[in-house]
Protein backbone atom coordinates (compact mmCIF):
# COMPACT_ATOMS: atom_id res chain seq x y z
CA MET A 1 109.55 37.64 57.75
CA THR A 2 107.10 34.87 58.71
CA GLU A 3 104.53 33.85 56.23
CA THR A 4 101.72 35.60 58.34
CA GLN A 5 103.48 38.67 57.89
CA LEU A 6 103.85 38.46 54.47
CA LEU A 7 100.26 37.61 53.87
CA ALA A 8 99.47 40.50 55.91
CA LEU A 9 101.27 43.15 54.00
CA GLN A 10 99.90 41.59 50.66
CA LYS A 11 96.31 42.15 52.08
CA ARG A 12 97.49 45.70 52.97
CA LEU A 13 98.57 46.32 49.45
CA ASP A 14 95.25 44.96 48.11
CA GLU A 15 93.37 47.47 50.18
CA ILE A 16 95.54 50.23 49.22
CA ASN A 17 95.10 49.32 45.45
CA GLU A 18 91.25 49.30 46.04
CA GLN A 19 91.21 52.74 47.70
CA LEU A 20 93.66 53.91 44.82
CA LEU A 21 91.09 52.72 42.41
CA ASP A 22 88.19 54.45 44.25
CA LEU A 23 90.37 57.79 44.41
CA ILE A 24 91.34 57.58 40.67
CA SER A 25 87.85 56.91 39.55
CA GLU A 26 86.54 59.87 41.68
CA ARG A 27 89.49 62.00 40.31
CA GLY A 28 88.28 61.03 36.76
CA ARG A 29 84.49 61.99 37.54
CA ILE A 30 85.59 65.43 38.93
CA GLY A 31 87.90 65.85 35.78
CA VAL A 32 84.83 65.26 33.57
CA GLN A 33 82.81 67.79 35.43
CA ILE A 34 85.58 70.34 35.36
CA GLY A 35 85.51 69.54 31.41
CA LYS A 36 82.04 70.23 31.06
CA ILE A 37 82.35 73.75 32.83
CA LYS A 38 85.18 74.65 30.57
CA ARG A 39 83.43 73.73 27.65
CA SER A 40 80.32 75.70 28.45
CA GLN A 41 82.63 78.79 28.91
CA GLY A 42 84.43 77.98 25.68
CA VAL A 43 87.80 77.39 27.44
CA SER A 44 90.11 74.56 26.21
CA VAL A 45 89.65 71.50 28.57
CA HIS A 46 93.44 70.94 28.49
CA ASP A 47 95.43 73.03 30.56
CA PRO A 48 99.23 72.23 30.22
CA SER A 49 100.45 75.09 32.59
CA TRP A 50 97.83 73.73 35.45
CA GLU A 51 99.39 70.18 34.84
CA GLU A 52 102.91 71.15 35.21
CA GLU A 53 102.17 73.36 38.52
CA ALA A 54 100.34 70.27 39.87
CA LEU A 55 103.41 67.98 39.06
CA LYS A 56 105.83 70.62 40.56
CA ARG A 57 103.81 70.58 44.15
CA LEU A 58 103.60 66.71 43.97
CA VAL A 59 107.42 66.27 43.42
CA GLN A 60 108.15 68.86 46.32
CA ARG A 61 105.87 66.79 48.60
CA ASN A 62 107.20 63.41 47.58
CA ASP A 63 109.18 61.77 50.27
CA GLY A 64 110.11 58.66 48.68
CA PRO A 65 110.63 55.68 48.05
CA PHE A 66 109.87 56.89 44.42
CA ASP A 67 112.18 59.32 42.63
CA GLU A 68 111.12 62.48 40.92
CA ALA A 69 110.86 61.00 37.43
CA THR A 70 108.75 58.07 38.63
CA ILE A 71 106.14 60.35 40.28
CA ARG A 72 106.06 62.49 37.11
CA ARG A 73 105.51 59.56 35.00
CA LEU A 74 102.67 58.07 37.30
CA PHE A 75 100.61 61.29 37.37
CA GLN A 76 101.16 62.17 33.85
CA GLU A 77 99.68 58.90 32.88
CA MET A 78 97.03 59.98 35.27
CA PHE A 79 96.25 63.33 33.61
CA GLY A 80 96.35 61.85 30.08
CA ALA A 81 93.58 59.05 31.00
CA THR A 82 91.56 62.03 32.64
CA LEU A 83 91.92 63.95 29.26
CA GLN A 84 90.88 60.94 27.34
CA LEU A 85 87.60 60.76 29.27
CA LEU A 86 87.04 64.38 28.23
CA GLU A 87 88.01 63.89 24.73
CA PRO A 88 87.00 60.14 23.99
CA GLU A 89 88.13 60.31 20.31
CA ARG A 90 91.75 61.46 21.13
CA GLY A 91 93.84 58.39 21.20
CA ARG A 92 91.46 56.44 19.20
CA PRO A 93 92.41 54.84 15.90
CA LEU A 94 91.37 56.96 12.99
CA LEU A 95 88.25 55.97 10.97
CA VAL A 96 90.35 55.79 8.04
CA SER A 97 92.70 53.55 9.91
CA ARG A 98 93.00 49.73 9.10
CA LYS A 99 92.45 49.25 13.02
CA ARG A 100 89.08 50.60 12.80
CA GLN A 101 88.07 48.50 9.62
CA ARG A 102 89.89 45.55 8.39
CA MET A 103 88.13 45.19 5.16
CA ASN A 104 89.28 47.28 2.15
CA THR A 105 86.67 50.27 1.27
CA VAL A 106 85.39 49.64 -2.14
CA ILE A 107 83.86 52.41 -4.13
CA ARG A 108 81.40 51.63 -6.83
CA LEU A 109 80.35 54.11 -9.52
CA LYS A 110 78.23 52.74 -12.48
CA ASN A 111 80.54 50.37 -14.46
CA THR A 112 83.76 51.31 -12.36
CA ILE A 113 84.88 49.73 -8.95
CA VAL A 114 87.78 51.56 -7.09
CA GLY A 115 89.57 49.33 -4.57
CA GLY A 116 88.54 46.13 -5.87
CA THR A 117 90.48 43.45 -7.50
CA ASP A 118 91.34 45.26 -10.68
CA PRO A 119 93.23 48.45 -10.66
CA VAL A 120 91.47 51.43 -12.40
CA LEU A 121 93.17 53.86 -15.11
CA ILE A 122 91.96 57.41 -14.76
CA ALA A 123 93.23 59.74 -17.80
CA GLY A 124 92.57 63.01 -19.42
CA PRO A 125 93.92 66.46 -20.03
CA CYS A 126 95.50 68.56 -17.32
CA SER A 127 93.31 71.45 -18.22
CA VAL A 128 89.77 71.24 -20.18
CA GLU A 129 90.25 73.86 -23.01
CA SER A 130 87.73 73.24 -25.41
CA LEU A 131 84.77 70.84 -26.16
CA THR A 132 86.73 69.64 -29.24
CA GLN A 133 89.84 68.73 -27.13
CA VAL A 134 87.95 67.00 -24.27
CA ARG A 135 85.55 65.06 -26.92
CA GLU A 136 88.87 63.85 -28.66
CA VAL A 137 90.38 62.64 -25.57
CA ALA A 138 87.06 60.95 -24.28
CA ALA A 139 86.72 59.18 -27.79
CA LEU A 140 90.39 57.98 -27.03
CA LEU A 141 89.71 56.74 -23.53
CA ASN A 142 86.77 54.92 -24.91
CA GLU A 143 88.45 53.04 -27.50
CA ALA A 144 91.11 52.06 -24.76
CA GLY A 145 88.61 50.91 -22.40
CA VAL A 146 89.17 53.65 -19.82
CA HIS A 147 85.90 54.53 -17.82
CA VAL A 148 87.05 57.82 -16.00
CA ILE A 149 88.19 60.99 -17.59
CA ARG A 150 90.07 63.72 -15.59
CA GLY A 151 90.14 67.35 -16.53
CA GLY A 152 91.03 70.50 -14.65
CA ALA A 153 88.29 73.45 -14.80
CA PHE A 154 89.65 75.34 -11.51
CA LYS A 155 93.45 75.37 -11.66
CA PRO A 156 95.44 76.70 -8.61
CA ARG A 157 98.75 77.63 -10.11
CA THR A 158 101.97 78.78 -8.75
CA SER A 159 101.94 82.17 -10.98
CA PRO A 160 98.73 84.42 -10.99
CA TYR A 161 99.40 84.94 -14.63
CA ASP A 162 99.21 81.22 -15.69
CA PHE A 163 96.01 79.77 -17.14
CA GLN A 164 93.77 79.24 -14.17
CA GLY A 165 90.96 77.22 -16.04
CA LEU A 166 87.74 77.76 -17.56
CA GLY A 167 85.63 77.23 -14.27
CA PHE A 168 82.03 76.00 -14.33
CA ASP A 169 82.23 76.35 -18.21
CA GLY A 170 85.06 73.78 -18.14
CA LEU A 171 83.10 71.51 -16.00
CA LYS A 172 79.91 71.68 -18.30
CA LEU A 173 82.37 70.80 -21.52
CA LEU A 174 84.00 67.87 -19.36
CA LYS A 175 80.71 66.32 -18.72
CA GLN A 176 79.15 66.72 -22.21
CA ALA A 177 82.17 64.82 -23.60
CA ALA A 178 82.08 62.30 -20.91
CA ASP A 179 78.20 61.77 -21.33
CA GLU A 180 78.89 61.41 -25.05
CA TYR A 181 81.14 58.20 -24.44
CA GLY A 182 79.57 56.79 -21.25
CA LEU A 183 82.42 58.01 -18.97
CA LEU A 184 82.67 59.29 -15.53
CA THR A 185 84.17 62.51 -14.59
CA ILE A 186 86.79 63.69 -12.14
CA SER A 187 87.64 67.31 -11.44
CA GLU A 188 89.61 69.47 -8.96
CA ILE A 189 87.35 71.91 -6.88
CA VAL A 190 89.09 74.62 -4.89
CA ASP A 191 86.43 76.45 -3.19
CA PRO A 192 83.83 75.05 -0.59
CA SER A 193 81.11 77.19 -1.99
CA HIS A 194 81.55 75.62 -5.42
CA LEU A 195 80.92 72.12 -4.25
CA GLU A 196 77.16 71.94 -4.28
CA ARG A 197 77.00 73.16 -7.93
CA ALA A 198 79.86 71.15 -9.14
CA VAL A 199 78.47 68.01 -8.14
CA ASP A 200 76.07 68.17 -11.07
CA TYR A 201 79.10 67.94 -13.49
CA VAL A 202 81.60 65.55 -11.63
CA ASP A 203 81.41 62.04 -10.40
CA ILE A 204 84.29 62.30 -8.20
CA VAL A 205 85.41 65.47 -6.51
CA GLN A 206 89.18 65.93 -6.55
CA ILE A 207 91.05 67.80 -3.82
CA GLY A 208 94.42 68.86 -5.08
CA ALA A 209 97.92 68.65 -3.19
CA ARG A 210 97.77 72.52 -2.44
CA ASN A 211 94.60 72.03 -0.71
CA MET A 212 95.08 68.78 1.07
CA GLN A 213 95.12 70.90 4.55
CA ASN A 214 92.25 73.28 3.24
CA PHE A 215 90.41 72.20 6.38
CA GLU A 216 86.99 74.08 5.37
CA LEU A 217 87.26 72.51 1.97
CA LEU A 218 87.67 69.16 3.66
CA LYS A 219 84.93 69.45 5.99
CA ALA A 220 82.57 70.65 3.19
CA ALA A 221 83.58 67.34 1.17
CA GLY A 222 82.62 65.43 4.09
CA GLU A 223 79.15 66.78 3.80
CA LEU A 224 78.88 65.30 0.09
CA ARG A 225 77.65 61.96 -0.89
CA LYS A 226 80.04 61.94 -3.86
CA PRO A 227 83.35 60.02 -3.91
CA VAL A 228 86.24 62.37 -3.33
CA LEU A 229 89.95 61.78 -4.66
CA LEU A 230 92.33 63.45 -2.15
CA LYS A 231 95.90 64.03 -3.26
CA ARG A 232 98.81 64.14 -0.93
CA GLY A 233 100.36 67.40 -0.25
CA LEU A 234 103.68 68.51 -1.69
CA ALA A 235 105.69 67.96 1.37
CA ALA A 236 102.72 66.03 3.75
CA THR A 237 103.68 63.10 5.81
CA MET A 238 101.61 60.00 5.87
CA ASP A 239 100.13 60.93 9.27
CA GLU A 240 99.16 64.46 7.91
CA PHE A 241 97.79 62.94 4.79
CA LEU A 242 95.58 60.26 6.82
CA HIS A 243 94.49 62.98 9.30
CA ALA A 244 93.35 65.17 5.95
CA ALA A 245 91.28 62.01 4.96
CA GLU A 246 89.83 61.78 8.49
CA TYR A 247 88.37 65.43 8.19
CA ILE A 248 86.31 64.04 5.09
CA VAL A 249 85.18 60.47 6.73
CA SER A 250 84.37 62.04 10.14
CA ARG A 251 81.93 64.10 8.53
CA GLY A 252 79.89 61.07 7.02
CA ASN A 253 81.36 60.74 3.66
CA SER A 254 83.27 57.27 3.53
CA GLN A 255 83.69 57.15 -0.17
CA VAL A 256 87.37 58.77 0.07
CA MET A 257 90.25 57.74 -2.24
CA LEU A 258 94.01 58.46 -1.58
CA ILE A 259 96.49 59.45 -4.29
CA GLU A 260 100.15 59.75 -4.15
CA ARG A 261 101.50 62.41 -6.59
CA GLY A 262 105.20 62.87 -5.76
CA ILE A 263 106.73 64.89 -2.95
CA ARG A 264 109.08 67.94 -3.22
CA THR A 265 112.53 66.79 -2.45
CA TYR A 266 116.04 68.38 -3.69
CA GLU A 267 116.02 66.13 -6.92
CA LYS A 268 115.89 68.13 -10.02
CA TRP A 269 115.62 65.49 -12.77
CA THR A 270 112.00 64.85 -11.98
CA ARG A 271 109.22 67.36 -11.34
CA ASN A 272 108.60 65.87 -8.07
CA THR A 273 109.84 62.56 -6.28
CA LEU A 274 107.45 59.54 -6.66
CA ASP A 275 107.17 57.99 -3.04
CA ILE A 276 106.55 54.42 -4.18
CA SER A 277 106.86 53.23 -0.56
CA ALA A 278 103.68 55.46 0.11
CA VAL A 279 101.51 52.79 -1.53
CA PRO A 280 102.27 49.66 0.66
CA LEU A 281 102.33 52.22 3.73
CA LEU A 282 98.90 53.50 3.15
CA LYS A 283 97.45 49.93 2.35
CA ARG A 284 98.86 48.70 5.54
CA GLU A 285 97.69 51.60 7.78
CA SER A 286 94.37 52.49 6.03
CA HIS A 287 91.59 50.66 4.33
CA LEU A 288 90.97 53.49 1.68
CA PRO A 289 91.70 52.85 -1.97
CA VAL A 290 95.17 54.15 -2.95
CA LEU A 291 96.09 55.38 -6.34
CA VAL A 292 99.24 57.08 -7.96
CA ASP A 293 99.35 59.90 -10.20
CA VAL A 294 102.28 59.24 -12.48
CA SER A 295 102.41 62.46 -14.44
CA HIS A 296 102.81 65.03 -11.70
CA SER A 297 104.90 62.85 -9.76
CA THR A 298 107.47 62.51 -12.43
CA GLY A 299 106.72 65.32 -15.00
CA ARG A 300 108.33 63.24 -17.53
CA LYS A 301 106.80 61.13 -20.11
CA ASP A 302 109.81 58.89 -20.73
CA ILE A 303 109.70 57.08 -17.38
CA ILE A 304 105.87 57.05 -16.89
CA ILE A 305 105.38 53.51 -17.92
CA PRO A 306 107.83 51.94 -15.43
CA CYS A 307 106.71 54.22 -12.82
CA ALA A 308 103.12 53.00 -13.52
CA LYS A 309 104.20 49.57 -13.44
CA ALA A 310 106.06 50.12 -10.05
CA ALA A 311 103.02 51.73 -8.58
CA LEU A 312 100.64 48.58 -9.51
CA ALA A 313 103.23 46.22 -8.51
CA ALA A 314 103.53 47.96 -4.95
CA GLY A 315 99.61 47.35 -4.68
CA ALA A 316 98.15 50.56 -6.09
CA ASP A 317 94.44 50.51 -6.83
CA GLY A 318 94.77 52.82 -9.78
CA ILE A 319 96.88 55.12 -11.94
CA MET A 320 96.15 58.48 -13.11
CA VAL A 321 97.85 59.82 -16.20
CA GLU A 322 97.37 62.99 -18.24
CA VAL A 323 96.54 62.80 -22.01
CA HIS A 324 96.19 65.85 -24.38
CA PRO A 325 95.42 65.65 -28.32
CA ASN A 326 98.34 68.05 -28.81
CA PRO A 327 100.54 68.46 -25.85
CA PRO A 328 102.82 71.10 -27.16
CA ALA A 329 99.80 73.61 -27.60
CA ALA A 330 98.29 72.53 -24.15
CA LEU A 331 97.80 75.63 -21.73
CA SER A 332 99.28 73.85 -18.80
CA ASP A 333 101.71 71.17 -18.05
CA ALA A 334 102.58 70.52 -21.76
CA ASP A 335 105.68 68.36 -21.05
CA GLN A 336 104.08 65.73 -18.86
CA GLN A 337 100.95 64.97 -21.00
CA LEU A 338 100.78 61.93 -23.47
CA ASP A 339 99.61 62.38 -27.02
CA PRO A 340 97.28 59.91 -28.44
CA GLY A 341 99.99 57.64 -29.83
CA GLU A 342 101.86 57.55 -26.50
CA PHE A 343 98.72 56.86 -24.60
CA ARG A 344 97.98 53.86 -26.69
CA GLU A 345 101.34 52.71 -26.07
CA PHE A 346 101.04 53.20 -22.36
CA VAL A 347 97.95 51.28 -22.31
CA ARG A 348 99.23 48.39 -24.50
CA GLN A 349 102.38 48.02 -22.37
CA MET A 350 100.56 48.18 -19.21
CA THR A 351 97.99 45.56 -20.36
CA VAL A 352 100.89 43.42 -21.65
CA SER A 353 102.33 43.50 -18.24
CA GLY A 354 99.33 42.02 -16.85
CA LEU A 355 99.07 44.80 -14.20
CA LEU A 356 96.25 46.54 -15.91
CA HIS A 357 93.04 45.04 -17.35
CA PRO A 358 91.15 47.90 -19.30
CA ARG A 359 87.68 47.08 -20.46
CA ARG A 360 85.44 48.88 -23.00
CA PRO A 361 82.57 50.53 -21.47
CA THR A 362 78.98 49.82 -22.43
CA LEU A 363 77.48 52.76 -24.15
């Protein structure tokens, strides 16, 4: 083959490439028009059965030199590219992804910063039971320099006969005790219709593990302008967890915190299995603050301190722990709640380790 023939063939390839580009662009424009029509009809823009039939026709028409697998791969790429024109958000990094935002999200609440340089400690009873109970805990937290009190008022329980919480009366008691000691409040809300009223009593809305994929609740939380603490589901993957957070952020609420609370495995020695690897993974893949609930993840008070140290050493932005004035008398999760003496020792050891730096609130 002469140099002249080679140049001529290369020129012909350039011409074909330009023609292909024009045809691919025209195909994309037609695909967008079809997508608009389908949307107006309330029909899904993606039709896998049509794609498969089109591929069969193309394969039957193919005379070479490309084999069937190559033809399928080329046109599947083209179908996918057209679909991305119809659904531009599909395939793009999530809003919660580190690829979309390199800087860490930092949430500021009065004298508390979540996601900053110092990890936070959130503590309180599993359930709000009485004003006396939450007031005792609030005083204990204030003494220890803890700024945020947790307490359940709406309790989704496995058994319908277990204590379900005091509802809005419980939120009011929690708020009253917190205000007395200058603390912030966090509590789980399970019903989307309760959110608007609940924000009068809670500074941080918690969405629990069993509601991690309650999509209507996630959407409603996205309409709030209050921070949301989202717990990982009992058997949720990292991908499912981040997509749950995406529901909230995509609705306009960027103040989302993630919390690992243990996953369900075959292990019987702990209530759940604390997935420490979730902390560095989530910190790597997402810009949202990541906390760890060491009470629910272990269900055991005797290993709470080393687990909390491990969580903070892995990069967690905070720890959640349950505290009760008299755990044996608690109406829920009695075995995993620390009593006042145990809590003081927990704070002491965490402080001595250098991993936690509690500060007394200014009242």
